[in-house]
């Protein structure tokens, strides 16, 4: 499935973000290597994105809405969640509840992030012997629903 910037911006806008802001965020994510578009034709053809890219973009937008603009943290979230995103989306399609959990720790070597996609009822992570600084928890159920509906259309939808 190939999605355009317009599709991704629309998905983010469903969470209440103005369309222009959503479009700017998508462009920023692409320029910073957080989502990866592919071209179907010549260099002038628009980038195409996979559903996982749309889901990642929606999560990054939610992080920004929570005040997180740190590109290193955003990059860590992308790396830690990209491979598990298909499992998360499939679980959401089955009615499971999922969250993004970012635990922030501080140790002698600096900041450490423990980033996980977590299904409701499962532990987020193992304890880490560092000083906890905080956590960010983002419920993904509703915000990723546009991507889930695209991958798993409701019965009777054309």
C-alpha atoms as a PDB file:
ATOM      1  CA  UNK A   1       0.000   0.000   0.000  1.00  0.00           C
ATOM      2  CA  UNK A   2       1.435   3.347  -1.060  1.00  0.00           C
ATOM      3  CA  UNK A   3       0.430   6.512   0.786  1.00  0.00           C
ATOM      4  CA  UNK A   4       1.148  10.137  -0.052  1.00  0.00           C
ATOM      5  CA  UNK A   5       2.059  13.074   2.159  1.00  0.00           C
ATOM      6  CA  UNK A   6      -1.573  14.131   1.797  1.00  0.00           C
ATOM      7  CA  UNK A   7      -2.717  10.775   3.256  1.00  0.00           C
ATOM      8  CA  UNK A   8      -0.318  11.051   6.188  1.00  0.00           C
ATOM      9  CA  UNK A   9      -1.308  14.679   6.872  1.00  0.00           C
ATOM     10  CA  UNK A  10      -4.988  13.681   6.767  1.00  0.00           C
ATOM     11  CA  UNK A  11      -4.377  10.902   9.308  1.00  0.00           C
ATOM     12  CA  UNK A  12      -2.592  13.293  11.685  1.00  0.00           C
ATOM     13  CA  UNK A  13      -5.287  15.954  11.187  1.00  0.00           C
ATOM     14  CA  UNK A  14      -7.956  13.489  12.373  1.00  0.00           C
ATOM     15  CA  UNK A  15      -6.407  13.895  15.847  1.00  0.00           C
ATOM     16  CA  UNK A  16      -7.206  17.615  15.755  1.00  0.00           C
ATOM     17  CA  UNK A  17      -3.930  18.932  14.316  1.00  0.00           C
ATOM     18  CA  UNK A  18      -4.525  21.603  11.627  1.00  0.00           C
ATOM     19  CA  UNK A  19      -3.866  20.142   8.150  1.00  0.00           C
ATOM     20  CA  UNK A  20      -1.110  22.652   7.356  1.00  0.00           C
ATOM     21  CA  UNK A  21       0.639  21.881  10.642  1.00  0.00           C
ATOM     22  CA  UNK A  22       0.301  18.148   9.924  1.00  0.00           C
ATOM     23  CA  UNK A  23       1.789  18.627   6.436  1.00  0.00           C
ATOM     24  CA  UNK A  24       4.701  20.615   7.879  1.00  0.00           C
ATOM     25  CA  UNK A  25       5.331  17.935  10.479  1.00  0.00           C
ATOM     26  CA  UNK A  26       5.391  15.211   7.797  1.00  0.00           C
ATOM     27  CA  UNK A  27       7.895  17.233   5.766  1.00  0.00           C
ATOM     28  CA  UNK A  28      10.069  17.706   8.851  1.00  0.00           C
ATOM     29  CA  UNK A  29       9.945  13.994   9.708  1.00  0.00           C
ATOM     30  CA  UNK A  30      10.972  13.115   6.146  1.00  0.00           C
ATOM     31  CA  UNK A  31      13.780  15.703   6.047  1.00  0.00           C
ATOM     32  CA  UNK A  32      15.121  14.431   9.386  1.00  0.00           C
ATOM     33  CA  UNK A  33      15.037  10.792   8.255  1.00  0.00           C
ATOM     34  CA  UNK A  34      12.323   9.795  10.721  1.00  0.00           C
ATOM     35  CA  UNK A  35      10.014   8.459   7.989  1.00  0.00           C
ATOM     36  CA  UNK A  36      11.197   7.114   4.673  1.00  0.00           C
ATOM     37  CA  UNK A  37       9.382   7.793   1.435  1.00  0.00           C
ATOM     38  CA  UNK A  38       9.999   5.801  -1.705  1.00  0.00           C
ATOM     39  CA  UNK A  39       9.641   6.966  -5.285  1.00  0.00           C
ATOM     40  CA  UNK A  40       7.593   5.026  -7.837  1.00  0.00           C
ATOM     41  CA  UNK A  41       9.033   6.777 -10.859  1.00  0.00           C
ATOM     42  CA  UNK A  42      11.364   9.588 -11.849  1.00  0.00           C
ATOM     43  CA  UNK A  43      12.865  12.003  -9.317  1.00  0.00           C
ATOM     44  CA  UNK A  44       9.967  14.377  -9.848  1.00  0.00           C
ATOM     45  CA  UNK A  45       7.375  11.820  -8.721  1.00  0.00           C
ATOM     46  CA  UNK A  46       6.050  12.219  -5.174  1.00  0.00           C
ATOM     47  CA  UNK A  47       7.305  10.061  -2.331  1.00  0.00           C
ATOM     48  CA  UNK A  48       5.156   7.105  -1.325  1.00  0.00           C
ATOM     49  CA  UNK A  49       4.924   5.884   2.242  1.00  0.00           C
ATOM     50  CA  UNK A  50       3.993   2.588   3.877  1.00  0.00           C
ATOM     51  CA  UNK A  51       1.282   2.277   6.545  1.00  0.00           C
ATOM     52  CA  UNK A  52       4.012   1.860   9.197  1.00  0.00           C
ATOM     53  CA  UNK A  53       5.382   5.270   8.166  1.00  0.00           C
ATOM     54  CA  UNK A  54       1.915   6.759   8.679  1.00  0.00           C
ATOM     55  CA  UNK A  55       1.685   5.178  12.120  1.00  0.00           C
ATOM     56  CA  UNK A  56       5.167   6.429  13.058  1.00  0.00           C
ATOM     57  CA  UNK A  57       4.282   9.934  11.844  1.00  0.00           C
ATOM     58  CA  UNK A  58       1.116   9.916  13.961  1.00  0.00           C
ATOM     59  CA  UNK A  59       3.113   8.851  17.044  1.00  0.00           C
ATOM     60  CA  UNK A  60       5.739  11.534  16.418  1.00  0.00           C
ATOM     61  CA  UNK A  61       2.998  14.141  16.066  1.00  0.00           C
ATOM     62  CA  UNK A  62       1.525  13.006  19.399  1.00  0.00           C
ATOM     63  CA  UNK A  63       4.975  13.344  20.993  1.00  0.00           C
ATOM     64  CA  UNK A  64       5.170  16.889  19.633  1.00  0.00           C
ATOM     65  CA  UNK A  65       1.721  17.607  21.062  1.00  0.00           C
ATOM     66  CA  UNK A  66       3.165  16.480  24.428  1.00  0.00           C
ATOM     67  CA  UNK A  67       5.969  19.024  24.022  1.00  0.00           C
ATOM     68  CA  UNK A  68       8.699  16.635  22.846  1.00  0.00           C
ATOM     69  CA  UNK A  69      10.705  18.285  20.056  1.00  0.00           C
ATOM     70  CA  UNK A  70      14.009  16.515  20.755  1.00  0.00           C
ATOM     71  CA  UNK A  71      15.126  14.939  17.444  1.00  0.00           C
ATOM     72  CA  UNK A  72      17.342  12.408  19.237  1.00  0.00           C
ATOM     73  CA  UNK A  73      14.398  11.191  21.296  1.00  0.00           C
ATOM     74  CA  UNK A  74      12.153  11.119  18.230  1.00  0.00           C
ATOM     75  CA  UNK A  75      14.789   9.128  16.350  1.00  0.00           C
ATOM     76  CA  UNK A  76      15.097   6.647  19.222  1.00  0.00           C
ATOM     77  CA  UNK A  77      11.324   6.187  19.187  1.00  0.00           C
ATOM     78  CA  UNK A  78      11.369   5.464  15.447  1.00  0.00           C
ATOM     79  CA  UNK A  79      14.218   2.946  15.709  1.00  0.00           C
ATOM     80  CA  UNK A  80      12.650   1.174  18.691  1.00  0.00           C
ATOM     81  CA  UNK A  81       9.114   0.942  17.279  1.00  0.00           C
ATOM     82  CA  UNK A  82       9.408   0.549  13.510  1.00  0.00           C
ATOM     83  CA  UNK A  83       9.841  -3.230  13.475  1.00  0.00           C
ATOM     84  CA  UNK A  84       7.060  -3.818  16.011  1.00  0.00           C
ATOM     85  CA  UNK A  85       4.585  -1.503  14.333  1.00  0.00           C
ATOM     86  CA  UNK A  86       3.012  -4.184  12.111  1.00  0.00           C
ATOM     87  CA  UNK A  87       2.320  -6.326  15.197  1.00  0.00           C
ATOM     88  CA  UNK A  88       0.825  -3.294  16.959  1.00  0.00           C
ATOM     89  CA  UNK A  89      -1.413  -2.447  13.980  1.00  0.00           C
ATOM     90  CA  UNK A  90      -2.544  -6.079  13.657  1.00  0.00           C
ATOM     91  CA  UNK A  91      -3.327  -6.141  17.377  1.00  0.00           C
ATOM     92  CA  UNK A  92      -5.313  -2.929  17.149  1.00  0.00           C
ATOM     93  CA  UNK A  93      -7.299  -4.454  14.268  1.00  0.00           C
ATOM     94  CA  UNK A  94      -8.212  -7.351  16.617  1.00  0.00           C
ATOM     95  CA  UNK A  95      -9.428  -4.927  19.277  1.00  0.00           C
ATOM     96  CA  UNK A  96      -6.313  -4.934  21.459  1.00  0.00           C
ATOM     97  CA  UNK A  97      -5.202  -1.772  23.248  1.00  0.00           C
ATOM     98  CA  UNK A  98      -1.617  -0.521  22.660  1.00  0.00           C
ATOM     99  CA  UNK A  99       0.554   2.281  24.055  1.00  0.00           C
ATOM    100  CA  UNK A 100       3.879   3.856  23.264  1.00  0.00           C
ATOM    101  CA  UNK A 101       5.916   3.949  26.479  1.00  0.00           C
ATOM    102  CA  UNK A 102       9.102   6.018  26.699  1.00  0.00           C
ATOM    103  CA  UNK A 103      10.932   5.653  30.009  1.00  0.00           C
ATOM    104  CA  UNK A 104      13.670   8.235  30.554  1.00  0.00           C
ATOM    105  CA  UNK A 105      16.618   7.437  32.832  1.00  0.00           C
ATOM    106  CA  UNK A 106      19.791   9.256  33.829  1.00  0.00           C
ATOM    107  CA  UNK A 107      23.085   7.546  34.630  1.00  0.00           C
ATOM    108  CA  UNK A 108      26.813   8.231  34.672  1.00  0.00           C
ATOM    109  CA  UNK A 109      26.911   8.086  30.868  1.00  0.00           C
ATOM    110  CA  UNK A 110      23.995  10.453  30.373  1.00  0.00           C
ATOM    111  CA  UNK A 111      20.406   9.962  29.311  1.00  0.00           C
ATOM    112  CA  UNK A 112      19.044   6.528  28.472  1.00  0.00           C
ATOM    113  CA  UNK A 113      15.669   5.854  26.862  1.00  0.00           C
ATOM    114  CA  UNK A 114      13.739   2.639  27.060  1.00  0.00           C
ATOM    115  CA  UNK A 115      11.130   2.762  24.283  1.00  0.00           C
ATOM    116  CA  UNK A 116       8.448   0.112  23.824  1.00  0.00           C
ATOM    117  CA  UNK A 117       5.191  -0.542  22.054  1.00  0.00           C
ATOM    118  CA  UNK A 118       3.156  -2.200  24.776  1.00  0.00           C
ATOM    119  CA  UNK A 119      -0.050  -4.221  24.507  1.00  0.00           C
ATOM    120  CA  UNK A 120      -2.448  -3.572  27.393  1.00  0.00           C
ATOM    121  CA  UNK A 121      -1.862  -6.022  30.198  1.00  0.00           C
ATOM    122  CA  UNK A 122       1.786  -6.695  29.399  1.00  0.00           C
ATOM    123  CA  UNK A 123       4.687  -5.172  31.347  1.00  0.00           C
ATOM    124  CA  UNK A 124       6.286  -2.210  29.594  1.00  0.00           C
ATOM    125  CA  UNK A 125       9.868  -3.266  30.315  1.00  0.00           C
ATOM    126  CA  UNK A 126      12.264  -4.792  32.786  1.00  0.00           C
ATOM    127  CA  UNK A 127      13.547  -2.551  35.616  1.00  0.00           C
ATOM    128  CA  UNK A 128      16.761  -0.713  34.775  1.00  0.00           C
ATOM    129  CA  UNK A 129      19.361   0.123  37.465  1.00  0.00           C
ATOM    130  CA  UNK A 130      19.475   3.820  36.601  1.00  0.00           C
ATOM    131  CA  UNK A 131      17.835   6.889  38.091  1.00  0.00           C
ATOM    132  CA  UNK A 132      14.362   7.298  36.574  1.00  0.00           C
ATOM    133  CA  UNK A 133      13.581  10.795  35.315  1.00  0.00           C
ATOM    134  CA  UNK A 134      10.127  10.311  33.933  1.00  0.00           C
ATOM    135  CA  UNK A 135       7.966   8.567  31.413  1.00  0.00           C
ATOM    136  CA  UNK A 136       5.828   9.388  28.434  1.00  0.00           C
ATOM    137  CA  UNK A 137       2.832   7.167  27.730  1.00  0.00           C
ATOM    138  CA  UNK A 138       0.787   7.663  24.580  1.00  0.00           C
ATOM    139  CA  UNK A 139      -2.346   5.579  24.024  1.00  0.00           C
ATOM    140  CA  UNK A 140      -2.315   4.529  20.368  1.00  0.00           C
ATOM    141  CA  UNK A 141      -5.759   2.948  19.960  1.00  0.00           C
ATOM    142  CA  UNK A 142      -7.748   5.868  18.617  1.00  0.00           C
ATOM    143  CA  UNK A 143      -4.950   7.822  16.950  1.00  0.00           C
ATOM    144  CA  UNK A 144      -3.781   4.876  14.818  1.00  0.00           C
ATOM    145  CA  UNK A 145      -7.338   3.930  13.810  1.00  0.00           C
ATOM    146  CA  UNK A 146      -7.054   5.620  10.356  1.00  0.00           C
ATOM    147  CA  UNK A 147      -4.080   3.384   9.538  1.00  0.00           C
ATOM    148  CA  UNK A 148      -5.811   0.288  10.922  1.00  0.00           C
ATOM    149  CA  UNK A 149      -8.957   1.033   8.873  1.00  0.00           C
ATOM    150  CA  UNK A 150      -6.833   1.417   5.750  1.00  0.00           C
ATOM    151  CA  UNK A 151      -5.119  -1.934   6.350  1.00  0.00           C
ATOM    152  CA  UNK A 152      -8.245  -3.742   7.563  1.00  0.00           C
ATOM    153  CA  UNK A 153     -11.320  -2.080   6.018  1.00  0.00           C
ATOM    154  CA  UNK A 154     -14.591  -2.715   7.834  1.00  0.00           C
ATOM    155  CA  UNK A 155     -16.680  -5.493   6.342  1.00  0.00           C
ATOM    156  CA  UNK A 156     -18.879  -4.147   3.591  1.00  0.00           C
ATOM    157  CA  UNK A 157     -16.575  -1.215   2.796  1.00  0.00           C
ATOM    158  CA  UNK A 158     -15.605  -0.849  -0.820  1.00  0.00           C
END
